[in-house]
Every structure is written in structure tokens, then in C-alpha cells.
Amino acid sequence: MSDEDSEEEAEPAVELGEGPDVAGAPLSRVTARLSWGIEHSTVVDREGDTTIRTPEGPQELASVLESVDETYFPDRHEFEAAVREVIGTGPVPTE
């Protein structure tokens, strides 16, 4: 492999455009950092202070999880479904 090949591969696959920032982390980024199954309280301990993106604007994950009655999430999909039931779906506002 030559130096030229390395330089070409280092370029991003998609160019990022100019525009306003989006506050908060995507929910999928938070779920990727966790191991499954996991207890509700463990999620709050590990990621509760993380701000996530929601259609209503950025929210702290711990405050969103206060509205979730589940005590255990067997997998990522169950967790995301429970969170999305609280925050809803739709476009995320930009700053």
C-alpha cells in the first residue's frame, strides 16, 4: 500500500455541510456505549447525565428515564423503544 492510497482513504466518505449545530447526542450513540441486558438504575448511573437529542430539544437522559416504568432492558431495542415512547419521534431542532 502506498502513501497515496493512505491519503485517499483518510478523506471522509461524506462531506459535512455548513449549518447550525444540533445539541445533544443521538440516542443510538448512548445505547452503543452500554452492554445489554441492563437495569434501569445502571443506565441512569452510567449515562444519566448525558444530554440526548429529542424532537422537543435536548434533554438529560436521567430526566427522560424518570417516565420509563421498565426496571430492566434485555436489549438495545427495548431500551430505545421505551425512551422513544417518552420523547417521541420527529425532526430534531437545531440551534
PDB file of N, CA and C in Angstrom:
ATOM      1  N   MET A   1       0.855  -1.171   0.000  1.00  0.00           N
ATOM      2  CA  MET A   1       0.000   0.000   0.000  1.00  0.00           C
ATOM      3  C   MET A   1       0.899   1.232   0.000  1.00  0.00           C
ATOM      4  N   SER A   2       0.654   2.157  -0.881  1.00  0.00           N
ATOM      5  CA  SER A   2       1.493   3.342  -0.975  1.00  0.00           C
ATOM      6  C   SER A   2       0.941   4.477  -0.126  1.00  0.00           C
ATOM      7  N   ASP A   3       1.744   5.531   0.040  1.00  0.00           N
ATOM      8  CA  ASP A   3       1.308   6.698   0.807  1.00  0.00           C
ATOM      9  C   ASP A   3       0.121   7.385   0.151  1.00  0.00           C
ATOM     10  N   GLU A   4       0.076   7.345  -1.185  1.00  0.00           N
ATOM     11  CA  GLU A   4      -1.047   7.969  -1.897  1.00  0.00           C
ATOM     12  C   GLU A   4      -2.363   7.296  -1.536  1.00  0.00           C
ATOM     13  N   ASP A   5      -2.375   5.973  -1.479  1.00  0.00           N
ATOM     14  CA  ASP A   5      -3.580   5.234  -1.124  1.00  0.00           C
ATOM     15  C   ASP A   5      -4.047   5.598   0.280  1.00  0.00           C
ATOM     16  N   SER A   6      -3.111   5.733   1.203  1.00  0.00           N
ATOM     17  CA  SER A   6      -3.449   6.074   2.582  1.00  0.00           C
ATOM     18  C   SER A   6      -4.102   7.440   2.665  1.00  0.00           C
ATOM     19  N   GLU A   7      -3.594   8.387   1.904  1.00  0.00           N
ATOM     20  CA  GLU A   7      -4.148   9.741   1.928  1.00  0.00           C
ATOM     21  C   GLU A   7      -5.560   9.761   1.363  1.00  0.00           C
ATOM     22  N   GLU A   8      -5.800   8.998   0.312  1.00  0.00           N
ATOM     23  CA  GLU A   8      -7.123   8.967  -0.298  1.00  0.00           C
ATOM     24  C   GLU A   8      -8.145   8.335   0.645  1.00  0.00           C
ATOM     25  N   GLU A   9      -7.749   7.304   1.362  1.00  0.00           N
ATOM     26  CA  GLU A   9      -8.661   6.627   2.280  1.00  0.00           C
ATOM     27  C   GLU A   9      -8.966   7.469   3.516  1.00  0.00           C
ATOM     28  N   ALA A  10      -8.127   8.423   3.832  1.00  0.00           N
ATOM     29  CA  ALA A  10      -8.304   9.244   5.024  1.00  0.00           C
ATOM     30  C   ALA A  10      -9.407  10.295   4.850  1.00  0.00           C
ATOM     31  N   GLU A  11      -9.805  10.554   3.619  1.00  0.00           N
ATOM     32  CA  GLU A  11     -10.857  11.541   3.379  1.00  0.00           C
ATOM     33  C   GLU A  11     -12.196  11.002   3.861  1.00  0.00           C
ATOM     34  N   PRO A  12     -13.052  11.875   4.408  1.00  0.00           N
ATOM     35  CA  PRO A  12     -14.358  11.397   4.881  1.00  0.00           C
ATOM     36  C   PRO A  12     -15.228  10.907   3.722  1.00  0.00           C
ATOM     37  N   ALA A  13     -16.037   9.908   3.995  1.00  0.00           N
ATOM     38  CA  ALA A  13     -16.922   9.353   2.970  1.00  0.00           C
ATOM     39  C   ALA A  13     -18.021  10.336   2.599  1.00  0.00           C
ATOM     40  N   VAL A  14     -18.419  11.164   3.560  1.00  0.00           N
ATOM     41  CA  VAL A  14     -19.472  12.153   3.329  1.00  0.00           C
ATOM     42  C   VAL A  14     -18.971  13.488   3.843  1.00  0.00           C
ATOM     43  N   GLU A  15     -19.088  14.516   3.021  1.00  0.00           N
ATOM     44  CA  GLU A  15     -18.676  15.840   3.469  1.00  0.00           C
ATOM     45  C   GLU A  15     -19.738  16.428   4.379  1.00  0.00           C
ATOM     46  N   LEU A  16     -19.289  17.055   5.452  1.00  0.00           N
ATOM     47  CA  LEU A  16     -20.211  17.715   6.363  1.00  0.00           C
ATOM     48  C   LEU A  16     -20.482  19.116   5.844  1.00  0.00           C
ATOM     49  N   GLY A  17     -21.727  19.502   5.889  1.00  0.00           N
ATOM     50  CA  GLY A  17     -22.104  20.814   5.398  1.00  0.00           C
ATOM     51  C   GLY A  17     -22.007  21.879   6.469  1.00  0.00           C
ATOM     52  N   GLU A  18     -22.155  23.092   6.024  1.00  0.00           N
ATOM     53  CA  GLU A  18     -22.208  24.223   6.937  1.00  0.00           C
ATOM     54  C   GLU A  18     -23.628  24.304   7.481  1.00  0.00           C
ATOM     55  N   GLY A  19     -23.773  24.787   8.667  1.00  0.00           N
ATOM     56  CA  GLY A  19     -25.108  24.930   9.223  1.00  0.00           C
ATOM     57  C   GLY A  19     -25.075  24.917  10.727  1.00  0.00           C
ATOM     58  N   PRO A  20     -26.233  25.074  11.314  1.00  0.00           N
ATOM     59  CA  PRO A  20     -26.292  25.124  12.777  1.00  0.00           C
ATOM     60  C   PRO A  20     -26.005  23.760  13.394  1.00  0.00           C
ATOM     61  N   ASP A  21     -25.478  23.793  14.619  1.00  0.00           N
ATOM     62  CA  ASP A  21     -25.203  22.572  15.363  1.00  0.00           C
ATOM     63  C   ASP A  21     -26.501  21.995  15.924  1.00  0.00           C
ATOM     64  N   VAL A  22     -26.483  20.703  16.182  1.00  0.00           N
ATOM     65  CA  VAL A  22     -27.603  20.038  16.831  1.00  0.00           C
ATOM     66  C   VAL A  22     -27.139  19.682  18.237  1.00  0.00           C
ATOM     67  N   ALA A  23     -27.857  20.173  19.242  1.00  0.00           N
ATOM     68  CA  ALA A  23     -27.457  19.946  20.629  1.00  0.00           C
ATOM     69  C   ALA A  23     -27.820  18.538  21.077  1.00  0.00           C
ATOM     70  N   GLY A  24     -26.953  17.940  21.875  1.00  0.00           N
ATOM     71  CA  GLY A  24     -27.211  16.618  22.425  1.00  0.00           C
ATOM     72  C   GLY A  24     -26.623  15.512  21.573  1.00  0.00           C
ATOM     73  N   ALA A  25     -26.582  14.322  22.157  1.00  0.00           N
ATOM     74  CA  ALA A  25     -26.066  13.142  21.476  1.00  0.00           C
ATOM     75  C   ALA A  25     -27.228  12.328  20.912  1.00  0.00           C
ATOM     76  N   PRO A  26     -27.016  11.671  19.775  1.00  0.00           N
ATOM     77  CA  PRO A  26     -28.051  10.770  19.271  1.00  0.00           C
ATOM     78  C   PRO A  26     -28.262   9.615  20.258  1.00  0.00           C
ATOM     79  N   LEU A  27     -29.484   9.172  20.399  1.00  0.00           N
ATOM     80  CA  LEU A  27     -29.798   8.071  21.301  1.00  0.00           C
ATOM     81  C   LEU A  27     -28.979   6.834  20.943  1.00  0.00           C
ATOM     82  N   SER A  28     -28.769   6.575  19.673  1.00  0.00           N
ATOM     83  CA  SER A  28     -28.016   5.396  19.255  1.00  0.00           C
ATOM     84  C   SER A  28     -26.571   5.431  19.749  1.00  0.00           C
ATOM     85  N   ARG A  29     -25.988   6.613  19.888  1.00  0.00           N
ATOM     86  CA  ARG A  29     -24.623   6.722  20.412  1.00  0.00           C
ATOM     87  C   ARG A  29     -24.589   6.303  21.887  1.00  0.00           C
ATOM     88  N   VAL A  30     -25.606   6.697  22.625  1.00  0.00           N
ATOM     89  CA  VAL A  30     -25.675   6.336  24.043  1.00  0.00           C
ATOM     90  C   VAL A  30     -25.861   4.828  24.182  1.00  0.00           C
ATOM     91  N   THR A  31     -26.769   4.259  23.406  1.00  0.00           N
ATOM     92  CA  THR A  31     -27.026   2.818  23.527  1.00  0.00           C
ATOM     93  C   THR A  31     -25.825   1.993  23.102  1.00  0.00           C
ATOM     94  N   ALA A  32     -25.004   2.510  22.203  1.00  0.00           N
ATOM     95  CA  ALA A  32     -23.817   1.781  21.757  1.00  0.00           C
ATOM     96  C   ALA A  32     -22.770   1.671  22.860  1.00  0.00           C
ATOM     97  N   ARG A  33     -22.817   2.562  23.834  1.00  0.00           N
ATOM     98  CA  ARG A  33     -21.839   2.540  24.922  1.00  0.00           C
ATOM     99  C   ARG A  33     -22.240   1.590  26.052  1.00  0.00           C
ATOM    100  N   LEU A  34     -23.427   1.036  25.991  1.00  0.00           N
ATOM    101  CA  LEU A  34     -23.926   0.175  27.068  1.00  0.00           C
ATOM    102  C   LEU A  34     -23.890  -1.297  26.664  1.00  0.00           C
ATOM    103  N   SER A  35     -23.875  -2.168  27.661  1.00  0.00           N
ATOM    104  CA  SER A  35     -23.956  -3.616  27.436  1.00  0.00           C
ATOM    105  C   SER A  35     -25.361  -4.071  27.806  1.00  0.00           C
ATOM    106  N   TRP A  36     -25.873  -5.051  27.085  1.00  0.00           N
ATOM    107  CA  TRP A  36     -27.274  -5.487  27.265  1.00  0.00           C
ATOM    108  C   TRP A  36     -27.308  -6.909  27.739  1.00  0.00           C
ATOM    109  N   GLY A  37     -28.263  -7.295  28.597  1.00  0.00           N
ATOM    110  CA  GLY A  37     -29.267  -6.653  29.366  1.00  0.00           C
ATOM    111  C   GLY A  37     -28.681  -5.802  30.490  1.00  0.00           C
ATOM    112  N   ILE A  38     -29.464  -4.828  30.812  1.00  0.00           N
ATOM    113  CA  ILE A  38     -29.004  -3.855  31.797  1.00  0.00           C
ATOM    114  C   ILE A  38     -30.189  -3.330  32.601  1.00  0.00           C
ATOM    115  N   GLU A  39     -29.951  -3.017  33.863  1.00  0.00           N
ATOM    116  CA  GLU A  39     -31.000  -2.490  34.730  1.00  0.00           C
ATOM    117  C   GLU A  39     -31.172  -0.990  34.497  1.00  0.00           C
ATOM    118  N   HIS A  40     -32.390  -0.538  34.723  1.00  0.00           N
ATOM    119  CA  HIS A  40     -32.743   0.875  34.597  1.00  0.00           C
ATOM    120  C   HIS A  40     -31.792   1.740  35.421  1.00  0.00           C
ATOM    121  N   SER A  41     -31.564   1.356  36.672  1.00  0.00           N
ATOM    122  CA  SER A  41     -30.713   2.147  37.565  1.00  0.00           C
ATOM    123  C   SER A  41     -29.268   2.212  37.080  1.00  0.00           C
ATOM    124  N   THR A  42     -28.788   1.163  36.448  1.00  0.00           N
ATOM    125  CA  THR A  42     -27.424   1.155  35.927  1.00  0.00           C
ATOM    126  C   THR A  42     -27.288   2.118  34.759  1.00  0.00           C
ATOM    127  N   VAL A  43     -28.312   2.174  33.911  1.00  0.00           N
ATOM    128  CA  VAL A  43     -28.292   3.133  32.800  1.00  0.00           C
ATOM    129  C   VAL A  43     -28.220   4.550  33.349  1.00  0.00           C
ATOM    130  N   VAL A  44     -29.014   4.841  34.365  1.00  0.00           N
ATOM    131  CA  VAL A  44     -29.015   6.176  34.976  1.00  0.00           C
ATOM    132  C   VAL A  44     -27.640   6.478  35.576  1.00  0.00           C
ATOM    133  N   ASP A  45     -27.056   5.513  36.264  1.00  0.00           N
ATOM    134  CA  ASP A  45     -25.732   5.714  36.874  1.00  0.00           C
ATOM    135  C   ASP A  45     -24.662   5.992  35.823  1.00  0.00           C
ATOM    136  N   ARG A  46     -24.687   5.257  34.732  1.00  0.00           N
ATOM    137  CA  ARG A  46     -23.634   5.366  33.716  1.00  0.00           C
ATOM    138  C   ARG A  46     -23.848   6.504  32.735  1.00  0.00           C
ATOM    139  N   GLU A  47     -25.078   6.711  32.286  1.00  0.00           N
ATOM    140  CA  GLU A  47     -25.340   7.661  31.209  1.00  0.00           C
ATOM    141  C   GLU A  47     -26.393   8.715  31.539  1.00  0.00           C
ATOM    142  N   GLY A  48     -26.853   8.749  32.779  1.00  0.00           N
ATOM    143  CA  GLY A  48     -27.936   9.652  33.149  1.00  0.00           C
ATOM    144  C   GLY A  48     -27.657  11.118  32.909  1.00  0.00           C
ATOM    145  N   ASP A  49     -26.393  11.538  33.012  1.00  0.00           N
ATOM    146  CA  ASP A  49     -26.067  12.941  32.810  1.00  0.00           C
ATOM    147  C   ASP A  49     -25.850  13.299  31.342  1.00  0.00           C
ATOM    148  N   THR A  50     -25.975  12.325  30.452  1.00  0.00           N
ATOM    149  CA  THR A  50     -25.823  12.570  29.025  1.00  0.00           C
ATOM    150  C   THR A  50     -27.049  13.298  28.484  1.00  0.00           C
ATOM    151  N   THR A  51     -26.815  14.311  27.685  1.00  0.00           N
ATOM    152  CA  THR A  51     -27.899  15.043  27.035  1.00  0.00           C
ATOM    153  C   THR A  51     -28.154  14.391  25.681  1.00  0.00           C
ATOM    154  N   ILE A  52     -29.410  14.012  25.441  1.00  0.00           N
ATOM    155  CA  ILE A  52     -29.771  13.368  24.178  1.00  0.00           C
ATOM    156  C   ILE A  52     -30.614  14.310  23.329  1.00  0.00           C
ATOM    157  N   ARG A  53     -30.635  14.054  22.036  1.00  0.00           N
ATOM    158  CA  ARG A  53     -31.448  14.825  21.098  1.00  0.00           C
ATOM    159  C   ARG A  53     -32.881  14.311  21.132  1.00  0.00           C
ATOM    160  N   THR A  54     -33.825  15.236  21.196  1.00  0.00           N
ATOM    161  CA  THR A  54     -35.234  14.862  21.146  1.00  0.00           C
ATOM    162  C   THR A  54     -35.966  15.861  20.263  1.00  0.00           C
ATOM    163  N   PRO A  55     -37.161  15.517  19.793  1.00  0.00           N
ATOM    164  CA  PRO A  55     -37.938  16.469  18.996  1.00  0.00           C
ATOM    165  C   PRO A  55     -38.303  17.749  19.765  1.00  0.00           C
ATOM    166  N   GLU A  56     -38.272  17.676  21.093  1.00  0.00           N
ATOM    167  CA  GLU A  56     -38.582  18.847  21.919  1.00  0.00           C
ATOM    168  C   GLU A  56     -37.326  19.619  22.305  1.00  0.00           C
ATOM    169  N   GLY A  57     -36.180  19.228  21.776  1.00  0.00           N
ATOM    170  CA  GLY A  57     -34.917  19.847  22.132  1.00  0.00           C
ATOM    171  C   GLY A  57     -34.101  18.913  23.013  1.00  0.00           C
ATOM    172  N   PRO A  58     -32.890  19.307  23.345  1.00  0.00           N
ATOM    173  CA  PRO A  58     -32.026  18.433  24.139  1.00  0.00           C
ATOM    174  C   PRO A  58     -32.584  18.207  25.543  1.00  0.00           C
ATOM    175  N   GLN A  59     -32.464  16.962  26.023  1.00  0.00           N
ATOM    176  CA  GLN A  59     -32.928  16.603  27.369  1.00  0.00           C
ATOM    177  C   GLN A  59     -31.918  15.668  28.008  1.00  0.00           C
ATOM    178  N   GLU A  60     -31.781  15.765  29.315  1.00  0.00           N
ATOM    179  CA  GLU A  60     -30.904  14.864  30.046  1.00  0.00           C
ATOM    180  C   GLU A  60     -31.569  13.490  30.095  1.00  0.00           C
ATOM    181  N   LEU A  61     -30.794  12.440  29.829  1.00  0.00           N
ATOM    182  CA  LEU A  61     -31.341  11.088  29.777  1.00  0.00           C
ATOM    183  C   LEU A  61     -31.985  10.682  31.101  1.00  0.00           C
ATOM    184  N   ALA A  62     -31.405  11.058  32.223  1.00  0.00           N
ATOM    185  CA  ALA A  62     -31.978  10.699  33.526  1.00  0.00           C
ATOM    186  C   ALA A  62     -33.392  11.241  33.686  1.00  0.00           C
ATOM    187  N   SER A  63     -33.641  12.460  33.211  1.00  0.00           N
ATOM    188  CA  SER A  63     -34.986  13.027  33.334  1.00  0.00           C
ATOM    189  C   SER A  63     -35.974  12.315  32.412  1.00  0.00           C
ATOM    190  N   VAL A  64     -35.517  11.878  31.260  1.00  0.00           N
ATOM    191  CA  VAL A  64     -36.376  11.109  30.357  1.00  0.00           C
ATOM    192  C   VAL A  64     -36.711   9.763  30.992  1.00  0.00           C
ATOM    193  N   LEU A  65     -35.722   9.117  31.602  1.00  0.00           N
ATOM    194  CA  LEU A  65     -35.921   7.789  32.186  1.00  0.00           C
ATOM    195  C   LEU A  65     -36.816   7.812  33.418  1.00  0.00           C
ATOM    196  N   GLU A  66     -37.036   8.977  34.015  1.00  0.00           N
ATOM    197  CA  GLU A  66     -37.975   9.070  35.139  1.00  0.00           C
ATOM    198  C   GLU A  66     -39.386   8.670  34.708  1.00  0.00           C
ATOM    199  N   SER A  67     -39.693   8.830  33.425  1.00  0.00           N
ATOM    200  CA  SER A  67     -41.017   8.498  32.900  1.00  0.00           C
ATOM    201  C   SER A  67     -41.108   7.075  32.367  1.00  0.00           C
ATOM    202  N   VAL A  68     -40.023   6.311  32.459  1.00  0.00           N
ATOM    203  CA  VAL A  68     -39.990   4.927  31.974  1.00  0.00           C
ATOM    204  C   VAL A  68     -40.179   3.994  33.161  1.00  0.00           C
ATOM    205  N   ASP A  69     -41.202   3.124  33.091  1.00  0.00           N
ATOM    206  CA  ASP A  69     -41.519   2.212  34.191  1.00  0.00           C
ATOM    207  C   ASP A  69     -40.718   0.913  34.179  1.00  0.00           C
ATOM    208  N   GLU A  70     -40.052   0.608  33.086  1.00  0.00           N
ATOM    209  CA  GLU A  70     -39.277  -0.640  32.987  1.00  0.00           C
ATOM    210  C   GLU A  70     -38.134  -0.622  33.990  1.00  0.00           C
ATOM    211  N   THR A  71     -37.875  -1.760  34.632  1.00  0.00           N
ATOM    212  CA  THR A  71     -36.762  -1.857  35.577  1.00  0.00           C
ATOM    213  C   THR A  71     -35.557  -2.560  34.963  1.00  0.00           C
ATOM    214  N   TYR A  72     -35.762  -3.212  33.813  1.00  0.00           N
ATOM    215  CA  TYR A  72     -34.699  -3.975  33.163  1.00  0.00           C
ATOM    216  C   TYR A  72     -34.903  -3.918  31.659  1.00  0.00           C
ATOM    217  N   PHE A  73     -33.818  -3.718  30.929  1.00  0.00           N
ATOM    218  CA  PHE A  73     -33.865  -3.688  29.465  1.00  0.00           C
ATOM    219  C   PHE A  73     -33.050  -4.865  28.941  1.00  0.00           C
ATOM    220  N   PRO A  74     -33.720  -5.879  28.384  1.00  0.00           N
ATOM    221  CA  PRO A  74     -32.999  -7.065  27.921  1.00  0.00           C
ATOM    222  C   PRO A  74     -32.100  -6.797  26.719  1.00  0.00           C
ATOM    223  N   ASP A  75     -32.473  -5.808  25.896  1.00  0.00           N
ATOM    224  CA  ASP A  75     -31.644  -5.498  24.742  1.00  0.00           C
ATOM    225  C   ASP A  75     -31.799  -4.025  24.361  1.00  0.00           C
ATOM    226  N   ARG A  76     -30.977  -3.622  23.449  1.00  0.00           N
ATOM    227  CA  ARG A  76     -30.912  -2.233  22.979  1.00  0.00           C
ATOM    228  C   ARG A  76     -32.252  -1.768  22.417  1.00  0.00           C
ATOM    229  N   HIS A  77     -32.921  -2.636  21.696  1.00  0.00           N
ATOM    230  CA  HIS A  77     -34.187  -2.261  21.051  1.00  0.00           C
ATOM    231  C   HIS A  77     -35.276  -1.961  22.070  1.00  0.00           C
ATOM    232  N   GLU A  78     -35.333  -2.743  23.139  1.00  0.00           N
ATOM    233  CA  GLU A  78     -36.317  -2.497  24.204  1.00  0.00           C
ATOM    234  C   GLU A  78     -36.058  -1.139  24.856  1.00  0.00           C
ATOM    235  N   PHE A  79     -34.787  -0.844  25.108  1.00  0.00           N
ATOM    236  CA  PHE A  79     -34.422   0.431  25.720  1.00  0.00           C
ATOM    237  C   PHE A  79     -34.799   1.597  24.820  1.00  0.00           C
ATOM    238  N   GLU A  80     -34.390   1.532  23.549  1.00  0.00           N
ATOM    239  CA  GLU A  80     -34.689   2.626  22.619  1.00  0.00           C
ATOM    240  C   GLU A  80     -36.192   2.816  22.448  1.00  0.00           C
ATOM    241  N   ALA A  81     -36.945   1.730  22.407  1.00  0.00           N
ATOM    242  CA  ALA A  81     -38.398   1.827  22.273  1.00  0.00           C
ATOM    243  C   ALA A  81     -39.006   2.528  23.489  1.00  0.00           C
ATOM    244  N   ALA A  82     -38.517   2.185  24.680  1.00  0.00           N
ATOM    245  CA  ALA A  82     -39.036   2.811  25.900  1.00  0.00           C
ATOM    246  C   ALA A  82     -38.718   4.304  25.933  1.00  0.00           C
ATOM    247  N   VAL A  83     -37.516   4.672  25.533  1.00  0.00           N
ATOM    248  CA  VAL A  83     -37.131   6.091  25.514  1.00  0.00           C
ATOM    249  C   VAL A  83     -37.927   6.842  24.455  1.00  0.00           C
ATOM    250  N   ARG A  84     -38.054   6.261  23.266  1.00  0.00           N
ATOM    251  CA  ARG A  84     -38.798   6.941  22.183  1.00  0.00           C
ATOM    252  C   ARG A  84     -40.288   7.081  22.513  1.00  0.00           C
ATOM    253  N   GLU A  85     -40.821   6.189  23.336  1.00  0.00           N
ATOM    254  CA  GLU A  85     -42.205   6.312  23.773  1.00  0.00           C
ATOM    255  C   GLU A  85     -42.379   7.582  24.607  1.00  0.00           C
ATOM    256  N   VAL A  86     -41.347   7.957  25.345  1.00  0.00           N
ATOM    257  CA  VAL A  86     -41.388   9.162  26.171  1.00  0.00           C
ATOM    258  C   VAL A  86     -41.090  10.417  25.342  1.00  0.00           C
ATOM    259  N   ILE A  87     -40.033  10.379  24.524  1.00  0.00           N
ATOM    260  CA  ILE A  87     -39.602  11.586  23.816  1.00  0.00           C
ATOM    261  C   ILE A  87     -40.290  11.775  22.479  1.00  0.00           C
ATOM    262  N   GLY A  88     -40.856  10.710  21.924  1.00  0.00           N
ATOM    263  CA  GLY A  88     -41.492  10.793  20.618  1.00  0.00           C
ATOM    264  C   GLY A  88     -40.472  10.683  19.496  1.00  0.00           C
ATOM    265  N   THR A  89     -40.966  10.821  18.294  1.00  0.00           N
ATOM    266  CA  THR A  89     -40.103  10.785  17.112  1.00  0.00           C
ATOM    267  C   THR A  89     -40.408  12.004  16.270  1.00  0.00           C
ATOM    268  N   GLY A  90     -39.480  12.365  15.453  1.00  0.00           N
ATOM    269  CA  GLY A  90     -39.681  13.507  14.584  1.00  0.00           C
ATOM    270  C   GLY A  90     -38.383  14.282  14.405  1.00  0.00           C
ATOM    271  N   PRO A  91     -38.479  15.385  13.698  1.00  0.00           N
ATOM    272  CA  PRO A  91     -37.272  16.179  13.451  1.00  0.00           C
ATOM    273  C   PRO A  91     -36.715  16.760  14.750  1.00  0.00           C
ATOM    274  N   VAL A  92     -35.402  16.854  14.799  1.00  0.00           N
ATOM    275  CA  VAL A  92     -34.713  17.399  15.964  1.00  0.00           C
ATOM    276  C   VAL A  92     -34.356  18.848  15.648  1.00  0.00           C
ATOM    277  N   PRO A  93     -34.725  19.776  16.540  1.00  0.00           N
ATOM    278  CA  PRO A  93     -34.424  21.188  16.261  1.00  0.00           C
ATOM    279  C   PRO A  93     -32.926  21.475  16.300  1.00  0.00           C
ATOM    280  N   THR A  94     -32.492  22.430  15.493  1.00  0.00           N
ATOM    281  CA  THR A  94     -31.100  22.857  15.501  1.00  0.00           C
ATOM    282  C   THR A  94     -30.970  24.155  16.270  1.00  0.00           C
ATOM    283  N   GLU A  95     -29.749  24.482  16.653  1.00  0.00           N
ATOM    284  CA  GLU A  95     -29.514  25.713  17.418  1.00  0.00           C
ATOM    285  C   GLU A  95     -29.646  26.919  16.526  1.00  0.00           C
TER     286      GLU A  95
END
